[in-house]
Amino acid sequence: MSRLPIRARIAPVALAIVFGFVVVGFLRADREMVRAEQDRAALRASESAALVEAFLFRHSNWLRATEPLILDYWDQAQTVAPTLDIGERARTPGAFDALWIVDSAGIVRAARALREGTNVPVTGSRVLELKPSMLANELLTLVRTGGTDPNALVSAGSGNRQLLFVFPLRTPTKLTAVGVLPLDSLTTFLRRRKNTASFGLVIKSPTDTIVSHPGEGLNRKPESVQSAINTPFANNWTLTMVYSPTGRGVRIALWVVGLGAVIGLGIGLLLERREASRIADRSSELEHLSAELLRANRAKSEFLANVSHELRTPLNAIVGFVDLLRDGVYGTLNSRQVGPVERIEASANHLRHLVDQVLDLAKMAAGRLEVHTEPVELRPFVFDVASEVEPLITEKGLTFSLTVGATLPRVRTDPTHLRQILINLLGNAVKFTMTGGISIRGKLVGNETRSGLPSVLNAATALLMRSPRPDGLWIALQVVDTGIGIAEPDRERIFDEFEQVNAGPRGDSMRRGTGLGLSISRRLARLIGGDITVESELGRGSVFTVWLPVDPADMRGDRAA
């Protein structure tokens, strides 16, 4: 009971600690999942940036590789009007759609379409005539003032976005090669490499947006990550990847399951505490009731003991005065008075016997029945007890035999209690035996290896197994009758208090009894260290065995004598 308040205080603290650990663990797991997803997005952005870099440098290297051809063309252009011929390079995968050569004055000195259907400016036309005009101005500025570094411009003319590579040539006269590339080719290149399937890409130069791919299946709150793109141009570009966090559902499920588990744990703990409190209250109530019952039982036992003791005194007086009447102390009884006096004596003796039983039961229940142990020679003791009930046996016309050997060892027991046990058993045998006879048998049984008994006495293995302890040394006093017998379901019930089998009519209390004799006998047998067992068969009689423990030292003493 004292542990419950401690548990009640510890349980909320333990729950709070567990809840704190769970929340911290979930926060850590959620943060790690977010970080892992960000790392994956950053890795994908770096891969996309690397692909864009490879795309740009491949086209820049293509332009650089065509520079000798352009220089040959320019040398020939001083004497004749040659044609700008790129040859097999025009069919190289990923090459430009068109190639222009512009001088420092912004005049197109040569233009060649490298793919079918590509429009190119007319030779001799001015850059300022290009559309849109903003692109023309920027291109003219780069041609006039550009240094040795390549540059790039974005054109939105003719409805198609194009990327112009502006590549200064190393010629005596300042010339610039302009490679025209549709921006769709860059998007197609990234899509072919599966780098735009589930996210959006935005590629920006310092002055313009190069590519803007919105992506597919993005939610309302996408995340973004940036990566720098190293370009062959004067300025680097920036790649921004927009993606939808795919682990959000897993994280939500993790939180729902985790918090649900913690809440379930809290509810379970609350129910357990409520149940523990209810059990504690019930236990306290039961303890209180148990204490009350013990007090009531003790009071009942004390009351029965006191009442029985007070009843015994007047009953003894009644019996004494009846004896005086029968002895003629108060005058000789006439023939009409003898019968009533005998009935008074019989009733008083019966009532005194009942009071003695109730008193013994009360003393045993109160733990006040004392045991005075002394050595007892069984043969003369049993003969003395049998002589008390022999008149009753002879009166009913039953046979009576005693088989108690003179060689049986002495037992250390309480002779008063043993006498009461035997008288109760013999009284029951006389009461329930109508024909046949009653006998008393005494046997010594025990374990040969421990007691040193002759093997002939150890042959009764079945009898030994019915003893309280088969490894001990016992004397079995058996009261055998040929009475009505006892059914198997009733063989243990008859040892309960106030239990009777085949009792007489309620009005015939002399024959009916109280149902306490066998209960008191078994309690007395256990009080002196033994027990009582029964074997019976309906219609064939019963065998009640009183088990008396034997000290091996008494066995050795008997043999020495």
Foldseek 3Di string as FASTA:
>chain_A
DVCLVVCVVVVVVVLVVVVVVLVVVLVVVVVVLVVVLVVVQVVLQVVLLVLVQVLQVVQVVLVVVCQVLVVVCVVVVVPDNDASDSDPSLVDPSYFQKKFKAFLQQFTQHIDGSDPPDDDDDHRDGLCPDPPNVVSVVVNCCQNPNDQAWDWDWDCPPNFIWIWIWGWHDDPGTMIMIGIHTLVVSVVSCVVVVSQAAKWKWKDWPVGTSDTGHGPDADPDWDKDKDWHDHSGPTTMIMIITHHSPCPVVSVVSVVVSVVVSVVVVVVSVVVSVVVVVVVVVVVVVVVVVVVVLVVLLVVLVVLLVVLVVVLVVLVVQLVVLVCQPVQVVHDDDPVPPVVSVVSNVVSVVVNVQSVLSNLVSCVSNVNDDWDWDWDQPPVLVVVLCVVCVVLCVVLVEDEEEAEDNLDFIAITRSVLVSLLVNLVVVVQSLFANYYHKYKHKAKEADCVPQVDPVVSPPVVVVLVPWPDSHFIKIKIKIWHQGQKDDPVCQVVLLDFQDDDPADDPVPCVSRDRSRSNVSSQSSLVVGPGGWGKDIDGNGTIMIIRIGGHDSVSVVVSVVD
